[in-house]
Amino acid sequence: MSETDPFKSVSDYFEAQPEKTKQRLLELKNCIVKVVPNAIELFNYNIPAYTLIEGGKREQQIMISGNNKSVGFYPHPTTIEKFNEELKDYKKGKGSVQFPLNQPLPTDLIKRMVKYRLELLQK
């Protein structure tokens, strides 16, 4: 693997993570797939991505990432805005939220966010 393209697949990405990060990424993936069983897993911008609708472009995908302190969830700015109050205890970006590894993953909230994003895309 080169420095500019360190991972070739989602599996490579998951396997390269510390064990706790890997487990949290798998939990995030499971939340997405429970809501959208036919989500297509891809590798975009060197991180795992899930297309929620057939042929979904980057802005129609949910991406996830991890490091040794947190996992990142990138649903879209409109989704972060909608759930802003429920996400107040987490570090957020315009279209992302970081869930610390030392806290339980809010799986119910994540599933509701995925469902909301899917509903927006289906309109």
PDB file of N, CA and C in Angstrom:
ATOM      1  N   MET A   1       0.837  -1.181   0.000  1.00  0.00           N
ATOM      2  CA  MET A   1       0.000   0.000   0.000  1.00  0.00           C
ATOM      3  C   MET A   1       0.882   1.244   0.000  1.00  0.00           C
ATOM      4  N   SER A   2       0.572   2.183  -0.832  1.00  0.00           N
ATOM      5  CA  SER A   2       1.368   3.402  -0.924  1.00  0.00           C
ATOM      6  C   SER A   2       0.890   4.427   0.104  1.00  0.00           C
ATOM      7  N   GLU A   3       1.692   5.462   0.320  1.00  0.00           N
ATOM      8  CA  GLU A   3       1.305   6.504   1.268  1.00  0.00           C
ATOM      9  C   GLU A   3       0.095   7.285   0.788  1.00  0.00           C
ATOM     10  N   THR A   4      -0.061   7.457  -0.521  1.00  0.00           N
ATOM     11  CA  THR A   4      -1.191   8.220  -1.035  1.00  0.00           C
ATOM     12  C   THR A   4      -2.463   7.392  -1.074  1.00  0.00           C
ATOM     13  N   ASP A   5      -2.360   6.106  -1.090  1.00  0.00           N
ATOM     14  CA  ASP A   5      -3.519   5.217  -1.128  1.00  0.00           C
ATOM     15  C   ASP A   5      -3.263   4.067  -0.150  1.00  0.00           C
ATOM     16  N   PRO A   6      -3.341   4.364   1.171  1.00  0.00           N
ATOM     17  CA  PRO A   6      -2.924   3.366   2.152  1.00  0.00           C
ATOM     18  C   PRO A   6      -3.812   2.123   2.227  1.00  0.00           C
ATOM     19  N   PHE A   7      -5.064   2.234   1.837  1.00  0.00           N
ATOM     20  CA  PHE A   7      -5.979   1.097   1.921  1.00  0.00           C
ATOM     21  C   PHE A   7      -6.600   0.835   0.558  1.00  0.00           C
ATOM     22  N   LYS A   8      -6.798  -0.427   0.256  1.00  0.00           N
ATOM     23  CA  LYS A   8      -7.394  -0.800  -1.026  1.00  0.00           C
ATOM     24  C   LYS A   8      -8.877  -1.136  -0.899  1.00  0.00           C
ATOM     25  N   SER A   9      -9.337  -1.402   0.326  1.00  0.00           N
ATOM     26  CA  SER A   9     -10.732  -1.808   0.514  1.00  0.00           C
ATOM     27  C   SER A   9     -11.193  -1.452   1.921  1.00  0.00           C
ATOM     28  N   VAL A  10     -12.485  -1.564   2.128  1.00  0.00           N
ATOM     29  CA  VAL A  10     -13.054  -1.346   3.457  1.00  0.00           C
ATOM     30  C   VAL A  10     -12.472  -2.358   4.434  1.00  0.00           C
ATOM     31  N   SER A  11     -12.341  -3.595   4.013  1.00  0.00           N
ATOM     32  CA  SER A  11     -11.757  -4.629   4.881  1.00  0.00           C
ATOM     33  C   SER A  11     -10.341  -4.257   5.307  1.00  0.00           C
ATOM     34  N   ASP A  12      -9.527  -3.783   4.357  1.00  0.00           N
ATOM     35  CA  ASP A  12      -8.172  -3.331   4.683  1.00  0.00           C
ATOM     36  C   ASP A  12      -8.215  -2.217   5.732  1.00  0.00           C
ATOM     37  N   TYR A  13      -9.133  -1.291   5.525  1.00  0.00           N
ATOM     38  CA  TYR A  13      -9.267  -0.158   6.446  1.00  0.00           C
ATOM     39  C   TYR A  13      -9.612  -0.649   7.850  1.00  0.00           C
ATOM     40  N   PHE A  14     -10.630  -1.512   7.946  1.00  0.00           N
ATOM     41  CA  PHE A  14     -11.040  -2.033   9.254  1.00  0.00           C
ATOM     42  C   PHE A  14      -9.893  -2.787   9.924  1.00  0.00           C
ATOM     43  N   GLU A  15      -9.224  -3.640   9.171  1.00  0.00           N
ATOM     44  CA  GLU A  15      -8.154  -4.472   9.735  1.00  0.00           C
ATOM     45  C   GLU A  15      -6.967  -3.648  10.231  1.00  0.00           C
ATOM     46  N   ALA A  16      -6.752  -2.474   9.667  1.00  0.00           N
ATOM     47  CA  ALA A  16      -5.621  -1.636  10.059  1.00  0.00           C
ATOM     48  C   ALA A  16      -5.883  -0.838  11.341  1.00  0.00           C
ATOM     49  N   GLN A  17      -7.125  -0.858  11.814  1.00  0.00           N
ATOM     50  CA  GLN A  17      -7.484  -0.062  12.985  1.00  0.00           C
ATOM     51  C   GLN A  17      -7.172  -0.797  14.287  1.00  0.00           C
ATOM     52  N   PRO A  18      -6.941  -0.036  15.381  1.00  0.00           N
ATOM     53  CA  PRO A  18      -6.844  -0.681  16.693  1.00  0.00           C
ATOM     54  C   PRO A  18      -8.142  -1.444  16.975  1.00  0.00           C
ATOM     55  N   GLU A  19      -8.078  -2.481  17.757  1.00  0.00           N
ATOM     56  CA  GLU A  19      -9.228  -3.368  17.969  1.00  0.00           C
ATOM     57  C   GLU A  19     -10.489  -2.623  18.409  1.00  0.00           C
ATOM     58  N   LYS A  20     -10.389  -1.721  19.372  1.00  0.00           N
ATOM     59  CA  LYS A  20     -11.580  -1.001  19.851  1.00  0.00           C
ATOM     60  C   LYS A  20     -12.177  -0.136  18.736  1.00  0.00           C
ATOM     61  N   THR A  21     -11.326   0.509  17.962  1.00  0.00           N
ATOM     62  CA  THR A  21     -11.796   1.322  16.836  1.00  0.00           C
ATOM     63  C   THR A  21     -12.477   0.434  15.802  1.00  0.00           C
ATOM     64  N   LYS A  22     -11.858  -0.677  15.499  1.00  0.00           N
ATOM     65  CA  LYS A  22     -12.428  -1.621  14.527  1.00  0.00           C
ATOM     66  C   LYS A  22     -13.815  -2.076  14.975  1.00  0.00           C
ATOM     67  N   GLN A  23     -13.969  -2.417  16.246  1.00  0.00           N
ATOM     68  CA  GLN A  23     -15.269  -2.868  16.750  1.00  0.00           C
ATOM     69  C   GLN A  23     -16.317  -1.765  16.639  1.00  0.00           C
ATOM     70  N   ARG A  24     -15.932  -0.529  16.943  1.00  0.00           N
ATOM     71  CA  ARG A  24     -16.875   0.587  16.833  1.00  0.00           C
ATOM     72  C   ARG A  24     -17.257   0.855  15.384  1.00  0.00           C
ATOM     73  N   LEU A  25     -16.293   0.745  14.487  1.00  0.00           N
ATOM     74  CA  LEU A  25     -16.602   0.915  13.062  1.00  0.00           C
ATOM     75  C   LEU A  25     -17.589  -0.150  12.600  1.00  0.00           C
ATOM     76  N   LEU A  26     -17.402  -1.368  13.065  1.00  0.00           N
ATOM     77  CA  LEU A  26     -18.337  -2.445  12.710  1.00  0.00           C
ATOM     78  C   LEU A  26     -19.720  -2.174  13.294  1.00  0.00           C
ATOM     79  N   GLU A  27     -19.782  -1.606  14.503  1.00  0.00           N
ATOM     80  CA  GLU A  27     -21.075  -1.224  15.084  1.00  0.00           C
ATOM     81  C   GLU A  27     -21.749  -0.154  14.229  1.00  0.00           C
ATOM     82  N   LEU A  28     -20.973   0.846  13.799  1.00  0.00           N
ATOM     83  CA  LEU A  28     -21.523   1.889  12.928  1.00  0.00           C
ATOM     84  C   LEU A  28     -22.048   1.286  11.631  1.00  0.00           C
ATOM     85  N   LYS A  29     -21.252   0.428  11.035  1.00  0.00           N
ATOM     86  CA  LYS A  29     -21.667  -0.243   9.797  1.00  0.00           C
ATOM     87  C   LYS A  29     -22.970  -1.003  10.025  1.00  0.00           C
ATOM     88  N   ASN A  30     -23.065  -1.733  11.135  1.00  0.00           N
ATOM     89  CA  ASN A  30     -24.280  -2.500  11.430  1.00  0.00           C
ATOM     90  C   ASN A  30     -25.492  -1.597  11.587  1.00  0.00           C
ATOM     91  N   CYS A  31     -25.321  -0.425  12.183  1.00  0.00           N
ATOM     92  CA  CYS A  31     -26.429   0.526  12.305  1.00  0.00           C
ATOM     93  C   CYS A  31     -26.935   0.938  10.924  1.00  0.00           C
ATOM     94  N   ILE A  32     -26.011   1.223  10.028  1.00  0.00           N
ATOM     95  CA  ILE A  32     -26.380   1.640   8.671  1.00  0.00           C
ATOM     96  C   ILE A  32     -27.106   0.515   7.949  1.00  0.00           C
ATOM     97  N   VAL A  33     -26.550  -0.682   8.013  1.00  0.00           N
ATOM     98  CA  VAL A  33     -27.102  -1.823   7.273  1.00  0.00           C
ATOM     99  C   VAL A  33     -28.436  -2.292   7.860  1.00  0.00           C
ATOM    100  N   LYS A  34     -28.644  -2.110   9.153  1.00  0.00           N
ATOM    101  CA  LYS A  34     -29.948  -2.468   9.742  1.00  0.00           C
ATOM    102  C   LYS A  34     -31.058  -1.593   9.167  1.00  0.00           C
ATOM    103  N   VAL A  35     -30.762  -0.319   8.961  1.00  0.00           N
ATOM    104  CA  VAL A  35     -31.755   0.610   8.421  1.00  0.00           C
ATOM    105  C   VAL A  35     -31.870   0.476   6.905  1.00  0.00           C
ATOM    106  N   VAL A  36     -30.755   0.257   6.237  1.00  0.00           N
ATOM    107  CA  VAL A  36     -30.721   0.157   4.770  1.00  0.00           C
ATOM    108  C   VAL A  36     -30.008  -1.148   4.401  1.00  0.00           C
ATOM    109  N   PRO A  37     -30.741  -2.280   4.458  1.00  0.00           N
ATOM    110  CA  PRO A  37     -30.103  -3.579   4.205  1.00  0.00           C
ATOM    111  C   PRO A  37     -29.420  -3.695   2.840  1.00  0.00           C
ATOM    112  N   ASN A  38     -29.897  -2.946   1.862  1.00  0.00           N
ATOM    113  CA  ASN A  38     -29.302  -3.022   0.521  1.00  0.00           C
ATOM    114  C   ASN A  38     -28.271  -1.914   0.277  1.00  0.00           C
ATOM    115  N   ALA A  39     -27.797  -1.270   1.355  1.00  0.00           N
ATOM    116  CA  ALA A  39     -26.748  -0.248   1.208  1.00  0.00           C
ATOM    117  C   ALA A  39     -25.525  -0.882   0.554  1.00  0.00           C
ATOM    118  N   ILE A  40     -24.920  -0.150  -0.338  1.00  0.00           N
ATOM    119  CA  ILE A  40     -23.743  -0.656  -1.049  1.00  0.00           C
ATOM    120  C   ILE A  40     -22.497  -0.087  -0.380  1.00  0.00           C
ATOM    121  N   GLU A  41     -21.617  -0.989   0.036  1.00  0.00           N
ATOM    122  CA  GLU A  41     -20.379  -0.584   0.693  1.00  0.00           C
ATOM    123  C   GLU A  41     -19.328  -0.252  -0.359  1.00  0.00           C
ATOM    124  N   LEU A  42     -18.717   0.921  -0.226  1.00  0.00           N
ATOM    125  CA  LEU A  42     -17.654   1.344  -1.132  1.00  0.00           C
ATOM    126  C   LEU A  42     -16.498   1.906  -0.324  1.00  0.00           C
ATOM    127  N   PHE A  43     -15.472   2.261  -1.027  1.00  0.00           N
ATOM    128  CA  PHE A  43     -14.322   2.893  -0.401  1.00  0.00           C
ATOM    129  C   PHE A  43     -14.116   4.225  -1.099  1.00  0.00           C
ATOM    130  N   ASN A  44     -14.413   5.329  -0.410  1.00  0.00           N
ATOM    131  CA  ASN A  44     -14.374   6.666  -0.987  1.00  0.00           C
ATOM    132  C   ASN A  44     -13.481   7.563  -0.143  1.00  0.00           C
ATOM    133  N   TYR A  45     -12.601   8.295  -0.766  1.00  0.00           N
ATOM    134  CA  TYR A  45     -11.714   9.210  -0.036  1.00  0.00           C
ATOM    135  C   TYR A  45     -10.945   8.492   1.070  1.00  0.00           C
ATOM    136  N   ASN A  46     -10.563   7.261   0.805  1.00  0.00           N
ATOM    137  CA  ASN A  46      -9.799   6.424   1.733  1.00  0.00           C
ATOM    138  C   ASN A  46     -10.522   6.106   3.038  1.00  0.00           C
ATOM    139  N   ILE A  47     -11.858   6.182   3.026  1.00  0.00           N
ATOM    140  CA  ILE A  47     -12.647   5.751   4.181  1.00  0.00           C
ATOM    141  C   ILE A  47     -13.869   4.969   3.695  1.00  0.00           C
ATOM    142  N   PRO A  48     -14.440   4.124   4.564  1.00  0.00           N
ATOM    143  CA  PRO A  48     -15.638   3.371   4.192  1.00  0.00           C
ATOM    144  C   PRO A  48     -16.825   4.302   3.932  1.00  0.00           C
ATOM    145  N   ALA A  49     -17.596   3.970   2.906  1.00  0.00           N
ATOM    146  CA  ALA A  49     -18.783   4.738   2.541  1.00  0.00           C
ATOM    147  C   ALA A  49     -19.911   3.767   2.218  1.00  0.00           C
ATOM    148  N   TYR A  50     -21.139   4.222   2.437  1.00  0.00           N
ATOM    149  CA  TYR A  50     -22.315   3.386   2.201  1.00  0.00           C
ATOM    150  C   TYR A  50     -23.318   4.183   1.388  1.00  0.00           C
ATOM    151  N   THR A  51     -23.596   3.695   0.188  1.00  0.00           N
ATOM    152  CA  THR A  51     -24.574   4.328  -0.680  1.00  0.00           C
ATOM    153  C   THR A  51     -25.957   3.890  -0.228  1.00  0.00           C
ATOM    154  N   LEU A  52     -26.799   4.861   0.088  1.00  0.00           N
ATOM    155  CA  LEU A  52     -28.127   4.551   0.614  1.00  0.00           C
ATOM    156  C   LEU A  52     -29.154   4.319  -0.478  1.00  0.00           C
ATOM    157  N   ILE A  53     -28.909   4.888  -1.661  1.00  0.00           N
ATOM    158  CA  ILE A  53     -29.813   4.687  -2.791  1.00  0.00           C
ATOM    159  C   ILE A  53     -28.986   4.238  -3.986  1.00  0.00           C
ATOM    160  N   GLU A  54     -29.618   3.504  -4.864  1.00  0.00           N
ATOM    161  CA  GLU A  54     -28.908   2.976  -6.029  1.00  0.00           C
ATOM    162  C   GLU A  54     -28.277   4.104  -6.834  1.00  0.00           C
ATOM    163  N   GLY A  55     -27.001   3.931  -7.156  1.00  0.00           N
ATOM    164  CA  GLY A  55     -26.284   4.930  -7.943  1.00  0.00           C
ATOM    165  C   GLY A  55     -25.952   6.196  -7.178  1.00  0.00           C
ATOM    166  N   GLY A  56     -26.047   6.150  -5.858  1.00  0.00           N
ATOM    167  CA  GLY A  56     -25.832   7.333  -5.032  1.00  0.00           C
ATOM    168  C   GLY A  56     -24.450   7.941  -5.190  1.00  0.00           C
ATOM    169  N   LYS A  57     -24.416   9.228  -5.415  1.00  0.00           N
ATOM    170  CA  LYS A  57     -23.153   9.959  -5.512  1.00  0.00           C
ATOM    171  C   LYS A  57     -22.622  10.233  -4.104  1.00  0.00           C
ATOM    172  N   ARG A  58     -21.453  10.837  -4.026  1.00  0.00           N
ATOM    173  CA  ARG A  58     -20.793  11.045  -2.733  1.00  0.00           C
ATOM    174  C   ARG A  58     -21.707  11.730  -1.716  1.00  0.00           C
ATOM    175  N   GLU A  59     -22.437  12.756  -2.138  1.00  0.00           N
ATOM    176  CA  GLU A  59     -23.304  13.472  -1.194  1.00  0.00           C
ATOM    177  C   GLU A  59     -24.539  12.654  -0.797  1.00  0.00           C
ATOM    178  N   GLN A  60     -24.720  11.505  -1.430  1.00  0.00           N
ATOM    179  CA  GLN A  60     -25.830  10.610  -1.103  1.00  0.00           C
ATOM    180  C   GLN A  60     -25.336   9.380  -0.351  1.00  0.00           C
ATOM    181  N   GLN A  61     -24.142   9.475   0.183  1.00  0.00           N
ATOM    182  CA  GLN A  61     -23.547   8.367   0.921  1.00  0.00           C
ATOM    183  C   GLN A  61     -23.340   8.775   2.372  1.00  0.00           C
ATOM    184  N   ILE A  62     -23.236   7.786   3.215  1.00  0.00           N
ATOM    185  CA  ILE A  62     -22.813   7.996   4.594  1.00  0.00           C
ATOM    186  C   ILE A  62     -21.428   7.393   4.702  1.00  0.00           C
ATOM    187  N   MET A  63     -20.509   8.162   5.263  1.00  0.00           N
ATOM    188  CA  MET A  63     -19.134   7.689   5.416  1.00  0.00           C
ATOM    189  C   MET A  63     -18.813   7.534   6.895  1.00  0.00           C
ATOM    190  N   ILE A  64     -17.849   6.658   7.175  1.00  0.00           N
ATOM    191  CA  ILE A  64     -17.398   6.456   8.548  1.00  0.00           C
ATOM    192  C   ILE A  64     -15.874   6.415   8.556  1.00  0.00           C
ATOM    193  N   SER A  65     -15.292   6.752   9.687  1.00  0.00           N
ATOM    194  CA  SER A  65     -13.837   6.689   9.823  1.00  0.00           C
ATOM    195  C   SER A  65     -13.493   6.444  11.284  1.00  0.00           C
ATOM    196  N   GLY A  66     -12.238   6.136  11.527  1.00  0.00           N
ATOM    197  CA  GLY A  66     -11.834   5.888  12.900  1.00  0.00           C
ATOM    198  C   GLY A  66     -10.411   6.307  13.174  1.00  0.00           C
ATOM    199  N   ASN A  67     -10.138   6.538  14.450  1.00  0.00           N
ATOM    200  CA  ASN A  67      -8.778   6.781  14.916  1.00  0.00           C
ATOM    201  C   ASN A  67      -8.665   6.183  16.314  1.00  0.00           C
ATOM    202  N   ASN A  68      -7.607   6.480  17.020  1.00  0.00           N
ATOM    203  CA  ASN A  68      -7.419   5.822  18.313  1.00  0.00           C
ATOM    204  C   ASN A  68      -8.234   6.437  19.449  1.00  0.00           C
ATOM    205  N   LYS A  69      -8.998   7.508  19.170  1.00  0.00           N
ATOM    206  CA  LYS A  69      -9.824   8.136  20.206  1.00  0.00           C
ATOM    207  C   LYS A  69     -11.315   8.149  19.904  1.00  0.00           C
ATOM    208  N   SER A  70     -11.667   8.069  18.620  1.00  0.00           N
ATOM    209  CA  SER A  70     -13.082   8.192  18.259  1.00  0.00           C
ATOM    210  C   SER A  70     -13.359   7.555  16.901  1.00  0.00           C
ATOM    211  N   VAL A  71     -14.651   7.445  16.605  1.00  0.00           N
ATOM    212  CA  VAL A  71     -15.074   7.077  15.254  1.00  0.00           C
ATOM    213  C   VAL A  71     -15.869   8.254  14.702  1.00  0.00           C
ATOM    214  N   GLY A  72     -15.688   8.500  13.416  1.00  0.00           N
ATOM    215  CA  GLY A  72     -16.388   9.585  12.756  1.00  0.00           C
ATOM    216  C   GLY A  72     -17.553   9.054  11.946  1.00  0.00           C
ATOM    217  N   PHE A  73     -18.648   9.791  11.968  1.00  0.00           N
ATOM    218  CA  PHE A  73     -19.870   9.441  11.254  1.00  0.00           C
ATOM    219  C   PHE A  73     -20.227  10.660  10.417  1.00  0.00           C
ATOM    220  N   TYR A  74     -20.335  10.470   9.094  1.00  0.00           N
ATOM    221  CA  TYR A  74     -20.537  11.567   8.155  1.00  0.00           C
ATOM    222  C   TYR A  74     -21.851  11.374   7.394  1.00  0.00           C
ATOM    223  N   PRO A  75     -22.984  11.739   7.988  1.00  0.00           N
ATOM    224  CA  PRO A  75     -24.257  11.503   7.310  1.00  0.00           C
ATOM    225  C   PRO A  75     -24.631  12.585   6.292  1.00  0.00           C
ATOM    226  N   HIS A  76     -24.358  13.846   6.567  1.00  0.00           N
ATOM    227  CA  HIS A  76     -24.627  14.980   5.679  1.00  0.00           C
ATOM    228  C   HIS A  76     -24.948  16.170   6.586  1.00  0.00           C
ATOM    229  N   PRO A  77     -24.628  17.385   6.173  1.00  0.00           N
ATOM    230  CA  PRO A  77     -24.934  18.545   7.020  1.00  0.00           C
ATOM    231  C   PRO A  77     -26.406  18.665   7.423  1.00  0.00           C
ATOM    232  N   THR A  78     -27.332  18.334   6.526  1.00  0.00           N
ATOM    233  CA  THR A  78     -28.753  18.449   6.879  1.00  0.00           C
ATOM    234  C   THR A  78     -29.131  17.500   8.014  1.00  0.00           C
ATOM    235  N   THR A  79     -28.511  16.343   8.053  1.00  0.00           N
ATOM    236  CA  THR A  79     -28.797  15.368   9.110  1.00  0.00           C
ATOM    237  C   THR A  79     -28.204  15.840  10.435  1.00  0.00           C
ATOM    238  N   ILE A  80     -26.997  16.353  10.402  1.00  0.00           N
ATOM    239  CA  ILE A  80     -26.376  16.882  11.624  1.00  0.00           C
ATOM    240  C   ILE A  80     -27.229  18.028  12.174  1.00  0.00           C
ATOM    241  N   GLU A  81     -27.687  18.891  11.289  1.00  0.00           N
ATOM    242  CA  GLU A  81     -28.532  20.019  11.686  1.00  0.00           C
ATOM    243  C   GLU A  81     -29.821  19.532  12.349  1.00  0.00           C
ATOM    244  N   LYS A  82     -30.464  18.553  11.740  1.00  0.00           N
ATOM    245  CA  LYS A  82     -31.731  18.018  12.255  1.00  0.00           C
ATOM    246  C   LYS A  82     -31.564  17.435  13.663  1.00  0.00           C
ATOM    247  N   PHE A  83     -30.454  16.768  13.924  1.00  0.00           N
ATOM    248  CA  PHE A  83     -30.237  16.088  15.204  1.00  0.00           C
ATOM    249  C   PHE A  83     -29.269  16.861  16.111  1.00  0.00           C
ATOM    250  N   ASN A  84     -29.086  18.133  15.824  1.00  0.00           N
ATOM    251  CA  ASN A  84     -28.102  18.945  16.538  1.00  0.00           C
ATOM    252  C   ASN A  84     -28.265  18.889  18.055  1.00  0.00           C
ATOM    253  N   GLU A  85     -29.481  18.997  18.536  1.00  0.00           N
ATOM    254  CA  GLU A  85     -29.717  18.992  19.985  1.00  0.00           C
ATOM    255  C   GLU A  85     -29.305  17.660  20.610  1.00  0.00           C
ATOM    256  N   GLU A  86     -29.636  16.560  19.957  1.00  0.00           N
ATOM    257  CA  GLU A  86     -29.275  15.240  20.483  1.00  0.00           C
ATOM    258  C   GLU A  86     -27.772  14.971  20.384  1.00  0.00           C
ATOM    259  N   LEU A  87     -27.092  15.711  19.537  1.00  0.00           N
ATOM    260  CA  LEU A  87     -25.647  15.541  19.343  1.00  0.00           C
ATOM    261  C   LEU A  87     -24.828  16.556  20.138  1.00  0.00           C
ATOM    262  N   LYS A  88     -25.482  17.310  21.002  1.00  0.00           N
ATOM    263  CA  LYS A  88     -24.805  18.423  21.683  1.00  0.00           C
ATOM    264  C   LYS A  88     -23.604  18.003  22.523  1.00  0.00           C
ATOM    265  N   ASP A  89     -23.571  16.767  22.982  1.00  0.00           N
ATOM    266  CA  ASP A  89     -22.462  16.295  23.818  1.00  0.00           C
ATOM    267  C   ASP A  89     -21.278  15.756  23.014  1.00  0.00           C
ATOM    268  N   TYR A  90     -21.384  15.803  21.696  1.00  0.00           N
ATOM    269  CA  TYR A  90     -20.335  15.250  20.835  1.00  0.00           C
ATOM    270  C   TYR A  90     -19.674  16.350  20.020  1.00  0.00           C
ATOM    271  N   LYS A  91     -18.441  16.105  19.624  1.00  0.00           N
ATOM    272  CA  LYS A  91     -17.731  17.025  18.734  1.00  0.00           C
ATOM    273  C   LYS A  91     -18.314  16.869  17.332  1.00  0.00           C
ATOM    274  N   LYS A  92     -18.693  18.004  16.732  1.00  0.00           N
ATOM    275  CA  LYS A  92     -19.335  17.968  15.419  1.00  0.00           C
ATOM    276  C   LYS A  92     -18.591  18.854  14.430  1.00  0.00           C
ATOM    277  N   GLY A  93     -18.727  18.495  13.163  1.00  0.00           N
ATOM    278  CA  GLY A  93     -18.300  19.329  12.058  1.00  0.00           C
ATOM    279  C   GLY A  93     -19.552  19.670  11.269  1.00  0.00           C
ATOM    280  N   LYS A  94     -19.399  20.316  10.145  1.00  0.00           N
ATOM    281  CA  LYS A  94     -20.558  20.710   9.337  1.00  0.00           C
ATOM    282  C   LYS A  94     -21.430  19.511   8.957  1.00  0.00           C
ATOM    283  N   GLY A  95     -20.816  18.411   8.570  1.00  0.00           N
ATOM    284  CA  GLY A  95     -21.588  17.239   8.164  1.00  0.00           C
ATOM    285  C   GLY A  95     -21.166  15.974   8.876  1.00  0.00           C
ATOM    286  N   SER A  96     -20.531  16.137  10.047  1.00  0.00           N
ATOM    287  CA  SER A  96     -19.985  14.962  10.727  1.00  0.00           C
ATOM    288  C   SER A  96     -20.123  15.076  12.238  1.00  0.00           C
ATOM    289  N   VAL A  97     -19.957  13.934  12.874  1.00  0.00           N
ATOM    290  CA  VAL A  97     -19.938  13.878  14.333  1.00  0.00           C
ATOM    291  C   VAL A  97     -18.911  12.828  14.741  1.00  0.00           C
ATOM    292  N   GLN A  98     -18.237  13.086  15.852  1.00  0.00           N
ATOM    293  CA  GLN A  98     -17.262  12.132  16.375  1.00  0.00           C
ATOM    294  C   GLN A  98     -17.819  11.506  17.647  1.00  0.00           C
ATOM    295  N   PHE A  99     -17.786  10.180  17.689  1.00  0.00           N
ATOM    296  CA  PHE A  99     -18.219   9.445  18.866  1.00  0.00           C
ATOM    297  C   PHE A  99     -16.977   8.895  19.564  1.00  0.00           C
ATOM    298  N   PRO A 100     -16.691   9.350  20.797  1.00  0.00           N
ATOM    299  CA  PRO A 100     -15.499   8.886  21.513  1.00  0.00           C
ATOM    300  C   PRO A 100     -15.555   7.387  21.796  1.00  0.00           C
ATOM    301  N   LEU A 101     -14.401   6.756  21.748  1.00  0.00           N
ATOM    302  CA  LEU A 101     -14.326   5.313  22.001  1.00  0.00           C
ATOM    303  C   LEU A 101     -14.588   4.977  23.467  1.00  0.00           C
ATOM    304  N   ASN A 102     -14.417   5.943  24.367  1.00  0.00           N
ATOM    305  CA  ASN A 102     -14.603   5.663  25.787  1.00  0.00           C
ATOM    306  C   ASN A 102     -16.047   5.851  26.259  1.00  0.00           C
ATOM    307  N   GLN A 103     -16.964   6.022  25.309  1.00  0.00           N
ATOM    308  CA  GLN A 103     -18.392   6.134  25.620  1.00  0.00           C
ATOM    309  C   GLN A 103     -19.161   5.141  24.753  1.00  0.00           C
ATOM    310  N   PRO A 104     -20.314   4.665  25.254  1.00  0.00           N
ATOM    311  CA  PRO A 104     -21.124   3.767  24.418  1.00  0.00           C
ATOM    312  C   PRO A 104     -21.569   4.478  23.135  1.00  0.00           C
ATOM    313  N   LEU A 105     -21.631   3.734  22.067  1.00  0.00           N
ATOM    314  CA  LEU A 105     -22.098   4.280  20.793  1.00  0.00           C
ATOM    315  C   LEU A 105     -23.619   4.454  20.870  1.00  0.00           C
ATOM    316  N   PRO A 106     -24.153   5.641  20.531  1.00  0.00           N
ATOM    317  CA  PRO A 106     -25.603   5.861  20.595  1.00  0.00           C
ATOM    318  C   PRO A 106     -26.304   5.234  19.375  1.00  0.00           C
ATOM    319  N   THR A 107     -26.416   3.920  19.376  1.00  0.00           N
ATOM    320  CA  THR A 107     -26.890   3.201  18.187  1.00  0.00           C
ATOM    321  C   THR A 107     -28.308   3.589  17.777  1.00  0.00           C
ATOM    322  N   ASP A 108     -29.205   3.812  18.739  1.00  0.00           N
ATOM    323  CA  ASP A 108     -30.572   4.206  18.366  1.00  0.00           C
ATOM    324  C   ASP A 108     -30.574   5.553  17.647  1.00  0.00           C
ATOM    325  N   LEU A 109     -29.801   6.496  18.154  1.00  0.00           N
ATOM    326  CA  LEU A 109     -29.687   7.809  17.519  1.00  0.00           C
ATOM    327  C   LEU A 109     -29.095   7.674  16.116  1.00  0.00           C
ATOM    328  N   ILE A 110     -28.064   6.882  15.980  1.00  0.00           N
ATOM    329  CA  ILE A 110     -27.419   6.694  14.670  1.00  0.00           C
ATOM    330  C   ILE A 110     -28.410   6.099  13.671  1.00  0.00           C
ATOM    331  N   LYS A 111     -29.179   5.112  14.096  1.00  0.00           N
ATOM    332  CA  LYS A 111     -30.174   4.505  13.198  1.00  0.00           C
ATOM    333  C   LYS A 111     -31.228   5.522  12.782  1.00  0.00           C
ATOM    334  N   ARG A 112     -31.657   6.368  13.714  1.00  0.00           N
ATOM    335  CA  ARG A 112     -32.639   7.401  13.363  1.00  0.00           C
ATOM    336  C   ARG A 112     -32.042   8.402  12.380  1.00  0.00           C
ATOM    337  N   MET A 113     -30.771   8.705  12.535  1.00  0.00           N
ATOM    338  CA  MET A 113     -30.101   9.620  11.607  1.00  0.00           C
ATOM    339  C   MET A 113     -30.006   9.008  10.212  1.00  0.00           C
ATOM    340  N   VAL A 114     -29.673   7.732  10.143  1.00  0.00           N
ATOM    341  CA  VAL A 114     -29.600   7.040   8.844  1.00  0.00           C
ATOM    342  C   VAL A 114     -30.979   7.028   8.194  1.00  0.00           C
ATOM    343  N   LYS A 115     -32.003   6.719   8.987  1.00  0.00           N
ATOM    344  CA  LYS A 115     -33.375   6.676   8.457  1.00  0.00           C
ATOM    345  C   LYS A 115     -33.786   8.052   7.926  1.00  0.00           C
ATOM    346  N   TYR A 116     -33.479   9.089   8.671  1.00  0.00           N
ATOM    347  CA  TYR A 116     -33.800  10.449   8.246  1.00  0.00           C
ATOM    348  C   TYR A 116     -33.101  10.785   6.924  1.00  0.00           C
ATOM    349  N   ARG A 117     -31.824  10.460   6.839  1.00  0.00           N
ATOM    350  CA  ARG A 117     -31.072  10.746   5.607  1.00  0.00           C
ATOM    351  C   ARG A 117     -31.651   9.983   4.425  1.00  0.00           C
ATOM    352  N   LEU A 118     -31.995   8.726   4.638  1.00  0.00           N
ATOM    353  CA  LEU A 118     -32.605   7.925   3.577  1.00  0.00           C
ATOM    354  C   LEU A 118     -33.921   8.548   3.122  1.00  0.00           C
ATOM    355  N   GLU A 119     -34.754   8.964   4.069  1.00  0.00           N
ATOM    356  CA  GLU A 119     -36.036   9.587   3.716  1.00  0.00           C
ATOM    357  C   GLU A 119     -35.828  10.847   2.882  1.00  0.00           C
ATOM    358  N   LEU A 120     -34.833  11.652   3.223  1.00  0.00           N
ATOM    359  CA  LEU A 120     -34.541  12.852   2.424  1.00  0.00           C
ATOM    360  C   LEU A 120     -34.134  12.488   1.000  1.00  0.00           C
ATOM    361  N   LEU A 121     -33.338  11.450   0.868  1.00  0.00           N
ATOM    362  CA  LEU A 121     -32.861  11.040  -0.459  1.00  0.00           C
ATOM    363  C   LEU A 121     -33.968  10.436  -1.312  1.00  0.00           C
ATOM    364  N   GLN A 122     -34.980   9.884  -0.675  1.00  0.00           N
ATOM    365  CA  GLN A 122     -36.066   9.241  -1.420  1.00  0.00           C
ATOM    366  C   GLN A 122     -37.142  10.225  -1.853  1.00  0.00           C
ATOM    367  N   LYS A 123     -37.060  11.474  -1.422  1.00  0.00           N
ATOM    368  CA  LYS A 123     -38.072  12.479  -1.792  1.00  0.00           C
ATOM    369  C   LYS A 123     -37.910  12.912  -3.227  1.00  0.00           C
TER     370      LYS A 123
END
